[in-house]
Protein backbone atom coordinates (compact mmCIF):
# COMPACT_ATOMS: atom_id res chain seq x y z
CA ARG A 1 10.22 -18.90 9.32
CA HIS A 2 11.90 -20.19 12.48
CA GLY A 3 12.40 -18.23 15.69
CA SER A 4 11.34 -14.66 16.44
CA ILE A 5 11.68 -11.53 14.35
CA GLY A 6 13.69 -8.76 15.94
CA ARG A 7 13.25 -5.70 13.72
CA LEU A 8 11.59 -5.77 10.32
CA ARG A 9 12.66 -2.77 8.27
CA VAL A 10 11.06 -2.11 4.88
CA GLN A 11 11.90 0.25 2.09
CA VAL A 12 9.13 2.42 0.70
CA PRO A 13 9.69 3.91 -2.78
CA VAL A 14 8.76 7.58 -3.05
CA SER A 15 7.99 9.46 -6.25
CA LEU A 16 9.21 13.05 -6.20
CA HIS A 17 7.39 14.04 -9.38
CA ARG A 18 5.21 17.09 -8.93
CA GLU A 19 1.53 17.23 -9.75
CA GLY A 20 0.88 18.75 -13.15
CA GLU A 21 4.16 17.64 -14.75
CA ALA A 22 3.76 16.65 -18.37
CA PRO A 23 4.38 12.93 -19.01
CA GLY A 24 8.03 12.42 -19.96
CA ALA A 25 8.94 16.04 -19.25
CA VAL A 26 11.21 15.05 -16.36
CA PRO A 27 13.22 11.80 -16.12
CA ASN A 28 12.73 9.47 -13.18
CA ARG A 29 12.75 11.41 -9.95
CA ASP A 30 12.33 8.57 -7.53
CA SER A 31 13.67 8.07 -4.02
CA PHE A 32 12.81 6.04 -0.93
CA VAL A 33 12.50 5.98 2.84
CA ASN A 34 13.03 3.14 5.32
CA ILE A 35 10.66 2.44 8.19
CA ASP A 36 10.28 -0.30 10.81
CA LEU A 37 7.16 -2.44 10.79
CA PRO A 38 5.65 -2.95 14.29
CA VAL A 39 5.35 -6.73 13.81
CA HIS A 40 5.17 -7.32 17.59
CA GLU A 41 2.07 -5.14 17.99
CA ALA A 42 -1.00 -7.39 18.23
CA ASP A 43 -3.59 -4.71 17.44
CA ALA A 44 -4.03 -4.02 13.71
CA ALA A 45 -5.16 -0.41 14.21
CA ARG A 46 -2.13 0.37 16.37
CA ARG A 47 0.13 -1.14 13.71
CA VAL A 48 -1.37 1.18 11.10
CA LEU A 49 -0.98 4.20 13.38
CA ALA A 50 2.65 3.33 14.11
CA VAL A 51 3.45 3.09 10.39
CA SER A 52 1.56 6.33 9.72
CA GLU A 53 3.51 8.18 12.40
CA GLN A 54 6.84 7.02 10.95
CA MET A 55 5.88 8.02 7.43
CA ARG A 56 4.69 11.41 8.68
CA ALA A 57 8.04 11.99 10.38
CA ARG A 58 9.95 10.95 7.24
CA LYS A 59 7.90 13.39 5.16
CA GLN A 60 8.35 16.24 7.65
CA ASP A 61 12.12 15.69 7.66
CA HIS A 62 12.19 15.44 3.83
CA ASP A 63 14.16 12.20 4.02
CA ALA A 64 13.29 11.15 0.45
CA GLU A 65 14.39 14.50 -1.01
CA GLN A 66 17.66 14.44 0.91
CA LEU A 67 18.48 10.89 -0.18
CA TYR A 68 17.70 11.81 -3.78
CA ALA A 69 20.07 14.79 -3.57
CA VAL A 70 22.82 12.65 -2.04
CA PHE A 71 22.57 9.98 -4.72
CA ALA A 72 22.45 12.62 -7.46
CA ASP A 73 25.57 14.35 -6.11
CA VAL A 74 27.43 11.04 -5.83
CA GLY A 75 26.39 10.13 -9.36
CA HIS A 76 27.84 13.37 -10.68
CA VAL A 77 31.17 12.63 -9.02
CA SER A 78 31.61 8.99 -10.06
CA LYS A 79 29.43 6.28 -11.56
CA HIS A 80 31.45 3.71 -9.61
CA MET A 81 30.68 5.51 -6.35
CA PHE A 82 27.02 5.76 -7.32
CA ASP A 83 26.81 2.02 -7.98
CA LEU A 84 28.55 1.34 -4.67
CA ALA A 85 26.16 3.58 -2.78
CA HIS A 86 23.22 1.93 -4.48
CA ARG A 87 24.45 -1.55 -3.53
CA ILE A 88 24.92 -0.47 0.09
CA ALA A 89 21.41 1.04 0.23
CA SER A 90 19.94 -2.12 -1.33
CA ASN A 91 21.72 -4.52 0.99
CA PRO A 92 19.29 -7.00 2.63
CA HIS A 93 20.91 -6.12 5.97
CA ILE A 94 19.54 -2.57 5.46
CA PHE A 95 15.97 -3.52 4.67
CA ALA A 96 14.06 -6.80 4.46
CA LEU A 97 11.61 -6.03 1.65
CA SER A 98 10.07 -3.24 -0.40
CA VAL A 99 6.50 -2.09 0.11
CA SER A 100 5.01 0.23 -2.49
CA ASN A 101 1.68 1.85 -3.24
CA VAL A 102 0.53 3.41 -6.51
CA ARG A 103 -2.60 5.51 -6.74
CA GLY A 104 -4.24 4.71 -10.04
CA PRO A 105 -7.09 6.53 -11.82
CA ALA A 106 -10.30 6.79 -9.85
CA GLY A 107 -12.64 6.73 -12.83
CA THR A 108 -13.47 4.08 -15.41
CA GLN A 109 -10.76 3.48 -18.00
CA TYR A 110 -10.95 1.83 -21.43
CA LEU A 111 -8.47 -0.05 -23.57
CA ALA A 112 -9.09 -0.89 -27.24
CA GLY A 113 -12.75 -0.03 -26.76
CA GLY A 114 -13.26 -2.30 -23.76
CA GLU A 115 -13.73 -1.31 -20.14
CA ILE A 116 -10.84 -2.20 -17.82
CA ARG A 117 -12.47 -4.01 -14.92
CA GLU A 118 -9.49 -5.08 -12.84
CA VAL A 119 -5.85 -4.05 -12.40
CA TYR A 120 -3.23 -6.10 -10.54
CA SER A 121 0.10 -4.91 -9.24
CA LEU A 122 3.30 -6.78 -10.07
CA ALA A 123 6.54 -5.13 -8.90
CA GLU A 124 10.07 -6.46 -9.19
CA ILE A 125 11.94 -7.78 -6.18
CA ALA A 126 14.98 -5.81 -5.05
CA PRO A 127 18.38 -7.46 -5.70
CA HIS A 128 19.30 -10.14 -3.14
CA HIS A 129 15.82 -9.98 -1.62
CA ALA A 130 12.98 -12.51 -1.67
CA LEU A 131 9.74 -10.51 -1.39
CA ARG A 132 8.08 -7.37 -2.72
CA VAL A 133 4.65 -6.13 -1.62
CA SER A 134 2.88 -3.68 -3.90
CA ALA A 135 -0.58 -2.14 -3.85
CA ILE A 136 -2.48 -0.25 -6.53
CA SER A 137 -5.84 1.49 -6.39
CA PHE A 138 -8.04 1.61 -9.44
CA ALA A 139 -11.63 2.75 -10.00
CA GLY A 140 -12.66 2.37 -6.36
CA ARG A 141 -10.79 -0.90 -5.81
CA ILE A 142 -7.42 -1.77 -4.40
CA ALA A 143 -5.25 -4.78 -5.23
CA ILE A 144 -2.28 -5.99 -3.18
CA GLY A 145 0.34 -8.02 -5.00
CA LEU A 146 3.02 -10.28 -3.53
CA CYS A 147 5.99 -10.98 -5.76
CA ALA A 148 8.37 -13.51 -4.18
CA ASP A 149 11.03 -16.12 -4.61
CA GLY A 150 9.01 -19.27 -4.09
CA ASP A 151 12.01 -21.25 -2.88
CA ALA A 152 12.86 -18.68 -0.20
CA ILE A 153 9.24 -18.00 0.84
CA PRO A 154 7.16 -21.17 0.32
CA GLU A 155 4.49 -19.86 2.75
CA LEU A 156 3.41 -17.03 0.43
CA LEU A 157 -0.25 -18.12 0.60
CA GLU A 158 -0.14 -17.89 4.39
CA LEU A 159 1.25 -14.38 4.12
CA ALA A 160 -1.60 -13.41 1.79
CA LYS A 161 -4.13 -14.86 4.24
CA GLY A 162 -2.47 -12.88 7.04
CA ILE A 163 -2.91 -9.64 5.10
CA GLU A 164 -6.54 -10.55 4.52
CA ARG A 165 -7.10 -11.24 8.24
CA SER A 166 -5.55 -7.90 9.15
CA LEU A 167 -7.81 -6.06 6.72
CA VAL A 168 -10.84 -7.78 8.22
CA GLU A 169 -9.65 -6.86 11.73
CA LEU A 170 -9.26 -3.21 10.73
CA THR A 171 -12.69 -3.12 9.13
CA GLU A 172 -14.49 -4.81 12.01
CA GLY A 173 -12.77 -2.47 14.47
CA MET A 174 -14.06 0.71 12.83
CA ARG A 175 -16.30 2.85 15.01
CA LEU A 176 -19.51 3.71 13.17
CA GLY A 177 -21.47 6.85 13.95
CA ASN A 178 -23.47 9.75 12.62
CA GLY A 179 -20.44 11.59 11.24
CA PHE A 180 -20.93 14.69 13.39
CA GLU A 181 -18.73 13.56 16.27
CA HIS A 182 -14.98 12.99 16.35
CA ASP A 183 -15.15 9.63 18.10
CA TYR A 184 -16.38 7.91 14.96
CA GLU A 185 -14.24 6.68 12.08
CA MET A 186 -17.00 6.13 9.53
CA GLY A 187 -20.25 8.01 9.18
CA SER A 188 -23.56 7.05 7.65
CA LEU A 189 -24.43 7.33 3.97
CA MET A 190 -26.03 10.59 2.87
CA SER A 191 -29.05 9.31 0.97
CA GLN A 192 -31.07 6.31 -0.11
CA ARG A 193 -29.51 6.65 -3.55
CA GLN A 194 -26.02 6.26 -2.08
CA LEU A 195 -27.18 3.20 -0.11
CA GLU A 196 -28.52 1.61 -3.28
CA THR A 197 -25.25 2.37 -5.10
CA VAL A 198 -23.17 0.70 -2.40
CA GLN A 199 -25.51 -2.29 -2.30
CA ALA A 200 -25.20 -2.59 -6.08
CA HIS A 201 -21.39 -2.55 -5.87
CA VAL A 202 -21.40 -5.31 -3.23
CA ALA A 203 -23.85 -7.42 -5.20
CA ASP A 204 -21.83 -6.96 -8.40
CA ALA A 205 -18.59 -7.97 -6.68
CA VAL A 206 -20.18 -11.09 -5.16
CA ALA A 207 -21.70 -12.06 -8.50
CA LYS A 208 -18.21 -11.91 -10.02
CA GLY A 209 -16.73 -14.21 -7.42
CA ALA A 210 -15.77 -11.90 -4.56
CA SER A 211 -16.28 -12.90 -0.92
CA VAL A 212 -17.62 -10.51 1.71
CA LEU A 213 -15.20 -10.85 4.63
CA ALA A 214 -16.60 -8.08 6.86
CA GLY A 215 -19.83 -6.15 6.86
CA GLY A 216 -21.57 -5.80 3.51
CA LEU A 217 -25.01 -5.56 5.11
CA ARG A 218 -27.21 -2.75 6.28
CA CYS A 219 -26.58 -2.13 9.99
CA GLU A 220 -29.47 0.04 11.06
CA ALA A 221 -31.54 2.92 9.77
CA SER A 222 -29.74 4.09 6.57
CA TRP A 223 -26.29 2.88 7.46
CA MET A 224 -24.22 0.51 5.37
CA ALA A 225 -21.19 -1.24 6.85
């Protein structure tokens, strides 16, 4: 809140469950990795690339698997040692907050005969911490949740607005093109039918109270941005 931020390290939970596992067949197989957020980088796209590079390195080095194995081995030796190791790893001097992402179902889901229209993420804050950021995708949408200690972080609304501004910056900075060249980040739609589908999604969202922060209109020819 006051002064400058030196290094902002976050913990990212990692699920080690394998695709195709039957629900409940294997107990929790969860681990984590720690990365540094490039908070001093002014460009939103460069911030995303820096985070992506760190996560790619953690995956290549199998950090999450190694940490899981270490904690499992310690737990087999002594529950007291396991609890101690967990407290050390969860110390706020080790990481400032947790940031998680859950990929939900892509298709329409129903509950008690009714269509589920929206899903919001609410994740618990780590012990002795004040903030947790969690994202979940669902049926073509993504929701970002902020769970915080209001006394420790009274500016939570400003943080949410900052995330919103960064998303707008990333969207407006996308390079649009025909999709056949590598310099473009987003290509054109394939057909008039796809254009009408996207337009219908935007209109539906606005009708339900959403605000279009970037794009949302036809750029030129058959493009939609």
